[in-house]
Amino acid sequence: MKTIAATLAVTFCLPLPALSDPATECGGRSQVEIGACVADTLQRVDASIQIYLNFAMRSAEELDAATGREVTVPALEASQAAWAAYRDAHCAYVGATFGGGSGTGIGINACRIELGRERAADLMRYAR
């Protein structure tokens, strides 16, 4: 009974994007079309990350100038490099779970989109 209650709570309390994935957002067309759609989405997400990173960098530069310390910009640069390395390694793992199947590229790109969306939202919290 507790399992059913927990399942219902998760199903009805989480927002719909939390229950979907980028490949599902592209619809139920052919694998080739889904792959192209996911690749296009990834390009848009990567562009968004760059925009938000630029905003955050400007804020970091302003903070360093205001405090007379040069710590925020290097911290942001290190953070971005670490995040990119994590994204690449984690999504390579996700791809490996497909066992070399034809959906591997879609799975890797979907992973990169999910993590990229989270990173963009995180960067925007620090852009002023």
N, C-alpha and C. Protein backbone atom coordinates (compact mmCIF):
# COMPACT_ATOMS: atom_id res chain seq x y z
N MET A 1 0.82 -1.19 0.00
CA MET A 1 0.00 0.00 0.00
C MET A 1 0.87 1.26 0.00
N LYS A 2 1.97 1.22 0.77
CA LYS A 2 2.87 2.37 0.81
C LYS A 2 3.50 2.60 -0.56
N THR A 3 3.81 1.53 -1.27
CA THR A 3 4.40 1.65 -2.61
C THR A 3 3.43 2.32 -3.56
N ILE A 4 2.19 1.94 -3.51
CA ILE A 4 1.18 2.55 -4.37
C ILE A 4 1.02 4.03 -4.04
N ALA A 5 0.98 4.35 -2.76
CA ALA A 5 0.84 5.75 -2.35
C ALA A 5 2.04 6.57 -2.81
N ALA A 6 3.22 6.01 -2.67
CA ALA A 6 4.43 6.72 -3.10
C ALA A 6 4.43 6.92 -4.61
N THR A 7 4.02 5.90 -5.35
CA THR A 7 3.96 6.02 -6.81
C THR A 7 2.97 7.09 -7.23
N LEU A 8 1.81 7.11 -6.61
CA LEU A 8 0.81 8.13 -6.92
C LEU A 8 1.31 9.53 -6.56
N ALA A 9 2.00 9.65 -5.43
CA ALA A 9 2.53 10.95 -5.02
C ALA A 9 3.55 11.46 -6.03
N VAL A 10 4.45 10.59 -6.44
CA VAL A 10 5.45 10.99 -7.43
C VAL A 10 4.79 11.33 -8.75
N THR A 11 3.85 10.52 -9.18
CA THR A 11 3.20 10.73 -10.47
C THR A 11 2.44 12.05 -10.52
N PHE A 12 1.75 12.40 -9.46
CA PHE A 12 0.91 13.58 -9.50
C PHE A 12 1.52 14.83 -8.90
N CYS A 13 2.65 14.71 -8.22
CA CYS A 13 3.26 15.87 -7.59
C CYS A 13 4.44 16.44 -8.37
N LEU A 14 5.09 15.62 -9.17
CA LEU A 14 6.22 16.11 -9.95
C LEU A 14 5.71 16.84 -11.19
N PRO A 15 6.40 17.90 -11.60
CA PRO A 15 6.01 18.55 -12.85
C PRO A 15 6.25 17.61 -14.02
N LEU A 16 5.51 17.79 -15.09
CA LEU A 16 5.63 16.91 -16.25
C LEU A 16 7.04 16.83 -16.82
N PRO A 17 7.81 17.94 -16.90
CA PRO A 17 9.16 17.80 -17.43
C PRO A 17 10.03 16.83 -16.64
N ALA A 18 9.74 16.69 -15.34
CA ALA A 18 10.52 15.76 -14.53
C ALA A 18 10.24 14.32 -14.92
N LEU A 19 9.09 14.07 -15.54
CA LEU A 19 8.72 12.72 -15.91
C LEU A 19 9.06 12.39 -17.36
N SER A 20 9.47 13.38 -18.12
CA SER A 20 9.78 13.15 -19.52
C SER A 20 11.28 13.25 -19.74
N ASP A 21 11.68 12.98 -20.96
CA ASP A 21 13.08 13.16 -21.31
C ASP A 21 13.13 13.82 -22.68
N PRO A 22 14.27 14.37 -23.05
CA PRO A 22 14.37 15.08 -24.33
C PRO A 22 13.98 14.24 -25.54
N ALA A 23 14.27 12.96 -25.53
CA ALA A 23 13.89 12.12 -26.67
C ALA A 23 12.37 12.00 -26.77
N THR A 24 11.70 11.91 -25.64
CA THR A 24 10.25 11.83 -25.62
C THR A 24 9.63 13.14 -26.09
N GLU A 25 10.25 14.25 -25.74
CA GLU A 25 9.76 15.56 -26.17
C GLU A 25 9.73 15.66 -27.70
N CYS A 26 10.60 14.91 -28.36
CA CYS A 26 10.68 14.97 -29.82
C CYS A 26 9.59 14.17 -30.51
N GLY A 27 8.81 13.44 -29.78
CA GLY A 27 7.70 12.72 -30.37
C GLY A 27 8.07 11.29 -30.74
N GLY A 28 7.10 10.57 -31.24
CA GLY A 28 7.27 9.16 -31.52
C GLY A 28 7.56 8.85 -32.97
N ARG A 29 8.27 9.71 -33.65
CA ARG A 29 8.60 9.47 -35.05
C ARG A 29 9.72 8.44 -35.16
N SER A 30 10.35 8.38 -36.30
CA SER A 30 11.44 7.42 -36.50
C SER A 30 12.65 7.79 -35.66
N GLN A 31 13.52 6.83 -35.47
CA GLN A 31 14.73 7.05 -34.70
C GLN A 31 15.62 8.12 -35.35
N VAL A 32 15.66 8.16 -36.66
CA VAL A 32 16.45 9.16 -37.37
C VAL A 32 15.90 10.56 -37.08
N GLU A 33 14.58 10.73 -37.13
CA GLU A 33 13.97 12.03 -36.86
C GLU A 33 14.16 12.43 -35.40
N ILE A 34 14.01 11.46 -34.49
CA ILE A 34 14.22 11.75 -33.07
C ILE A 34 15.67 12.15 -32.84
N GLY A 35 16.60 11.46 -33.45
CA GLY A 35 18.02 11.80 -33.32
C GLY A 35 18.31 13.20 -33.81
N ALA A 36 17.73 13.58 -34.94
CA ALA A 36 17.93 14.94 -35.47
C ALA A 36 17.32 15.98 -34.54
N CYS A 37 16.12 15.69 -34.03
CA CYS A 37 15.45 16.61 -33.12
C CYS A 37 16.25 16.80 -31.83
N VAL A 38 16.75 15.70 -31.28
CA VAL A 38 17.54 15.78 -30.05
C VAL A 38 18.84 16.54 -30.30
N ALA A 39 19.46 16.33 -31.45
CA ALA A 39 20.69 17.06 -31.79
C ALA A 39 20.41 18.56 -31.90
N ASP A 40 19.29 18.93 -32.52
CA ASP A 40 18.92 20.35 -32.62
C ASP A 40 18.66 20.94 -31.24
N THR A 41 17.98 20.19 -30.39
CA THR A 41 17.69 20.65 -29.03
C THR A 41 18.99 20.85 -28.26
N LEU A 42 19.93 19.94 -28.43
CA LEU A 42 21.22 20.05 -27.75
C LEU A 42 21.94 21.32 -28.18
N GLN A 43 21.90 21.65 -29.46
CA GLN A 43 22.54 22.89 -29.93
C GLN A 43 21.92 24.11 -29.25
N ARG A 44 20.60 24.12 -29.11
CA ARG A 44 19.93 25.25 -28.45
C ARG A 44 20.29 25.31 -26.96
N VAL A 45 20.35 24.16 -26.33
CA VAL A 45 20.71 24.13 -24.91
C VAL A 45 22.15 24.61 -24.72
N ASP A 46 23.07 24.14 -25.57
CA ASP A 46 24.47 24.59 -25.48
C ASP A 46 24.58 26.10 -25.70
N ALA A 47 23.80 26.64 -26.62
CA ALA A 47 23.80 28.08 -26.87
C ALA A 47 23.27 28.83 -25.64
N SER A 48 22.25 28.28 -25.00
CA SER A 48 21.70 28.90 -23.79
C SER A 48 22.72 28.89 -22.67
N ILE A 49 23.42 27.78 -22.52
CA ILE A 49 24.46 27.71 -21.48
C ILE A 49 25.49 28.80 -21.72
N GLN A 50 25.91 28.99 -22.95
CA GLN A 50 26.91 30.01 -23.25
C GLN A 50 26.39 31.41 -22.92
N ILE A 51 25.15 31.67 -23.24
CA ILE A 51 24.56 32.98 -22.93
C ILE A 51 24.54 33.20 -21.42
N TYR A 52 24.06 32.21 -20.67
CA TYR A 52 23.96 32.33 -19.22
C TYR A 52 25.34 32.38 -18.58
N LEU A 53 26.30 31.64 -19.15
CA LEU A 53 27.67 31.69 -18.65
C LEU A 53 28.25 33.09 -18.85
N ASN A 54 27.96 33.71 -19.98
CA ASN A 54 28.42 35.08 -20.21
C ASN A 54 27.82 36.05 -19.20
N PHE A 55 26.54 35.90 -18.91
CA PHE A 55 25.90 36.74 -17.89
C PHE A 55 26.56 36.53 -16.53
N ALA A 56 26.75 35.27 -16.16
CA ALA A 56 27.38 34.95 -14.87
C ALA A 56 28.81 35.47 -14.82
N MET A 57 29.52 35.40 -15.94
CA MET A 57 30.90 35.88 -15.99
C MET A 57 30.94 37.39 -15.78
N ARG A 58 30.03 38.11 -16.41
CA ARG A 58 29.98 39.56 -16.20
C ARG A 58 29.71 39.89 -14.74
N SER A 59 28.81 39.15 -14.13
CA SER A 59 28.52 39.36 -12.71
C SER A 59 29.75 39.04 -11.86
N ALA A 60 30.45 37.98 -12.20
CA ALA A 60 31.66 37.61 -11.46
C ALA A 60 32.74 38.68 -11.61
N GLU A 61 32.89 39.20 -12.82
CA GLU A 61 33.87 40.27 -13.04
C GLU A 61 33.51 41.52 -12.23
N GLU A 62 32.23 41.86 -12.20
CA GLU A 62 31.80 43.02 -11.43
C GLU A 62 32.05 42.81 -9.94
N LEU A 63 31.79 41.62 -9.45
CA LEU A 63 32.02 41.33 -8.04
C LEU A 63 33.50 41.40 -7.71
N ASP A 64 34.33 40.82 -8.57
CA ASP A 64 35.78 40.89 -8.34
C ASP A 64 36.27 42.33 -8.34
N ALA A 65 35.73 43.15 -9.25
CA ALA A 65 36.12 44.56 -9.31
C ALA A 65 35.66 45.30 -8.06
N ALA A 66 34.46 45.01 -7.60
CA ALA A 66 33.91 45.70 -6.43
C ALA A 66 34.66 45.31 -5.15
N THR A 67 35.10 44.07 -5.06
CA THR A 67 35.77 43.61 -3.84
C THR A 67 37.28 43.78 -3.90
N GLY A 68 37.81 44.03 -5.11
CA GLY A 68 39.25 44.15 -5.26
C GLY A 68 39.97 42.81 -5.17
N ARG A 69 39.22 41.75 -5.29
CA ARG A 69 39.80 40.40 -5.23
C ARG A 69 39.51 39.69 -6.54
N GLU A 70 40.42 38.91 -7.00
CA GLU A 70 40.21 38.14 -8.23
C GLU A 70 40.01 36.68 -7.86
N VAL A 71 38.81 36.38 -7.36
CA VAL A 71 38.51 35.00 -6.97
C VAL A 71 37.25 34.46 -7.65
N THR A 72 36.32 35.32 -7.95
CA THR A 72 35.03 34.86 -8.47
C THR A 72 35.16 34.36 -9.91
N VAL A 73 35.86 35.09 -10.75
CA VAL A 73 36.03 34.67 -12.15
C VAL A 73 36.77 33.34 -12.23
N PRO A 74 37.92 33.19 -11.56
CA PRO A 74 38.58 31.88 -11.62
C PRO A 74 37.72 30.75 -11.06
N ALA A 75 36.93 31.04 -10.02
CA ALA A 75 36.06 30.01 -9.45
C ALA A 75 34.99 29.60 -10.46
N LEU A 76 34.43 30.57 -11.16
CA LEU A 76 33.42 30.26 -12.18
C LEU A 76 34.04 29.46 -13.33
N GLU A 77 35.22 29.85 -13.75
CA GLU A 77 35.90 29.12 -14.83
C GLU A 77 36.19 27.68 -14.42
N ALA A 78 36.65 27.48 -13.19
CA ALA A 78 36.92 26.13 -12.69
C ALA A 78 35.62 25.33 -12.58
N SER A 79 34.58 25.99 -12.13
CA SER A 79 33.28 25.34 -12.01
C SER A 79 32.77 24.87 -13.36
N GLN A 80 32.88 25.74 -14.37
CA GLN A 80 32.40 25.38 -15.71
C GLN A 80 33.21 24.23 -16.29
N ALA A 81 34.51 24.27 -16.10
CA ALA A 81 35.37 23.18 -16.61
C ALA A 81 35.03 21.86 -15.92
N ALA A 82 34.83 21.91 -14.61
CA ALA A 82 34.49 20.69 -13.87
C ALA A 82 33.12 20.17 -14.29
N TRP A 83 32.17 21.08 -14.48
CA TRP A 83 30.83 20.66 -14.91
C TRP A 83 30.90 20.00 -16.30
N ALA A 84 31.64 20.61 -17.22
CA ALA A 84 31.75 20.06 -18.58
C ALA A 84 32.39 18.67 -18.55
N ALA A 85 33.39 18.49 -17.72
CA ALA A 85 34.04 17.18 -17.60
C ALA A 85 33.07 16.16 -17.02
N TYR A 86 32.31 16.57 -16.01
CA TYR A 86 31.31 15.67 -15.42
C TYR A 86 30.26 15.29 -16.46
N ARG A 87 29.74 16.30 -17.16
CA ARG A 87 28.70 16.04 -18.18
C ARG A 87 29.21 15.03 -19.20
N ASP A 88 30.41 15.25 -19.70
CA ASP A 88 30.96 14.35 -20.72
C ASP A 88 31.13 12.93 -20.19
N ALA A 89 31.68 12.81 -18.98
CA ALA A 89 31.91 11.49 -18.40
C ALA A 89 30.59 10.79 -18.07
N HIS A 90 29.68 11.51 -17.46
CA HIS A 90 28.41 10.90 -17.07
C HIS A 90 27.60 10.47 -18.29
N CYS A 91 27.55 11.33 -19.29
CA CYS A 91 26.77 10.99 -20.48
C CYS A 91 27.43 9.87 -21.29
N ALA A 92 28.75 9.75 -21.21
CA ALA A 92 29.43 8.61 -21.83
C ALA A 92 29.00 7.32 -21.11
N TYR A 93 28.87 7.40 -19.80
CA TYR A 93 28.37 6.25 -19.04
C TYR A 93 26.94 5.91 -19.47
N VAL A 94 26.09 6.93 -19.56
CA VAL A 94 24.72 6.71 -20.00
C VAL A 94 24.71 6.03 -21.37
N GLY A 95 25.54 6.51 -22.27
CA GLY A 95 25.64 5.90 -23.59
C GLY A 95 26.08 4.45 -23.52
N ALA A 96 26.99 4.15 -22.61
CA ALA A 96 27.48 2.77 -22.47
C ALA A 96 26.38 1.83 -22.01
N THR A 97 25.39 2.36 -21.29
CA THR A 97 24.30 1.50 -20.81
C THR A 97 23.39 1.04 -21.95
N PHE A 98 23.55 1.63 -23.13
CA PHE A 98 22.75 1.20 -24.28
C PHE A 98 23.36 -0.02 -24.96
N GLY A 99 24.54 -0.44 -24.50
CA GLY A 99 25.16 -1.65 -25.02
C GLY A 99 25.48 -1.62 -26.50
N GLY A 100 25.76 -0.43 -27.02
CA GLY A 100 26.11 -0.32 -28.43
C GLY A 100 24.92 -0.30 -29.36
N GLY A 101 23.73 -0.20 -28.79
CA GLY A 101 22.53 -0.20 -29.62
C GLY A 101 22.36 1.08 -30.41
N SER A 102 21.40 1.07 -31.31
CA SER A 102 21.21 2.20 -32.22
C SER A 102 20.71 3.46 -31.53
N GLY A 103 20.21 3.36 -30.32
CA GLY A 103 19.74 4.54 -29.60
C GLY A 103 20.81 5.20 -28.76
N THR A 104 22.05 4.74 -28.86
CA THR A 104 23.13 5.26 -28.02
C THR A 104 23.31 6.76 -28.18
N GLY A 105 23.39 7.24 -29.42
CA GLY A 105 23.59 8.67 -29.65
C GLY A 105 22.45 9.50 -29.10
N ILE A 106 21.23 9.01 -29.27
CA ILE A 106 20.07 9.73 -28.73
C ILE A 106 20.17 9.78 -27.21
N GLY A 107 20.55 8.67 -26.59
CA GLY A 107 20.68 8.62 -25.14
C GLY A 107 21.75 9.58 -24.63
N ILE A 108 22.87 9.63 -25.30
CA ILE A 108 23.95 10.54 -24.90
C ILE A 108 23.50 11.99 -25.04
N ASN A 109 22.90 12.33 -26.16
CA ASN A 109 22.45 13.71 -26.36
C ASN A 109 21.33 14.09 -25.40
N ALA A 110 20.42 13.15 -25.12
CA ALA A 110 19.35 13.43 -24.15
C ALA A 110 19.95 13.71 -22.77
N CYS A 111 20.95 12.95 -22.40
CA CYS A 111 21.65 13.18 -21.13
C CYS A 111 22.28 14.57 -21.11
N ARG A 112 22.95 14.92 -22.18
CA ARG A 112 23.61 16.23 -22.27
C ARG A 112 22.58 17.37 -22.20
N ILE A 113 21.41 17.16 -22.79
CA ILE A 113 20.35 18.17 -22.72
C ILE A 113 19.86 18.32 -21.30
N GLU A 114 19.57 17.22 -20.64
CA GLU A 114 19.07 17.28 -19.27
C GLU A 114 20.06 18.00 -18.34
N LEU A 115 21.32 17.59 -18.41
CA LEU A 115 22.33 18.23 -17.56
C LEU A 115 22.55 19.68 -17.97
N GLY A 116 22.47 19.97 -19.27
CA GLY A 116 22.65 21.33 -19.75
C GLY A 116 21.54 22.25 -19.28
N ARG A 117 20.33 21.77 -19.28
CA ARG A 117 19.21 22.59 -18.79
C ARG A 117 19.40 22.92 -17.31
N GLU A 118 19.85 21.94 -16.55
CA GLU A 118 20.11 22.18 -15.13
C GLU A 118 21.24 23.20 -14.95
N ARG A 119 22.28 23.08 -15.76
CA ARG A 119 23.42 24.01 -15.66
C ARG A 119 23.00 25.43 -16.02
N ALA A 120 22.20 25.57 -17.07
CA ALA A 120 21.73 26.89 -17.48
C ALA A 120 20.94 27.53 -16.36
N ALA A 121 20.05 26.78 -15.75
CA ALA A 121 19.25 27.31 -14.63
C ALA A 121 20.15 27.69 -13.47
N ASP A 122 21.15 26.87 -13.20
CA ASP A 122 22.08 27.16 -12.10
C ASP A 122 22.87 28.44 -12.38
N LEU A 123 23.37 28.59 -13.59
CA LEU A 123 24.13 29.78 -13.95
C LEU A 123 23.28 31.05 -13.83
N MET A 124 22.02 30.95 -14.19
CA MET A 124 21.15 32.14 -14.13
C MET A 124 20.95 32.62 -12.71
N ARG A 125 21.06 31.74 -11.74
CA ARG A 125 20.91 32.15 -10.33
C ARG A 125 22.04 33.09 -9.92
N TYR A 126 23.16 33.04 -10.61
CA TYR A 126 24.32 33.85 -10.22
C TYR A 126 24.56 35.03 -11.18
N ALA A 127 23.73 35.17 -12.16
CA ALA A 127 23.86 36.29 -13.10
C ALA A 127 22.96 37.43 -12.59
N ARG A 128 23.57 38.56 -12.41
CA ARG A 128 22.80 39.70 -11.88
C ARG A 128 22.85 40.82 -12.85
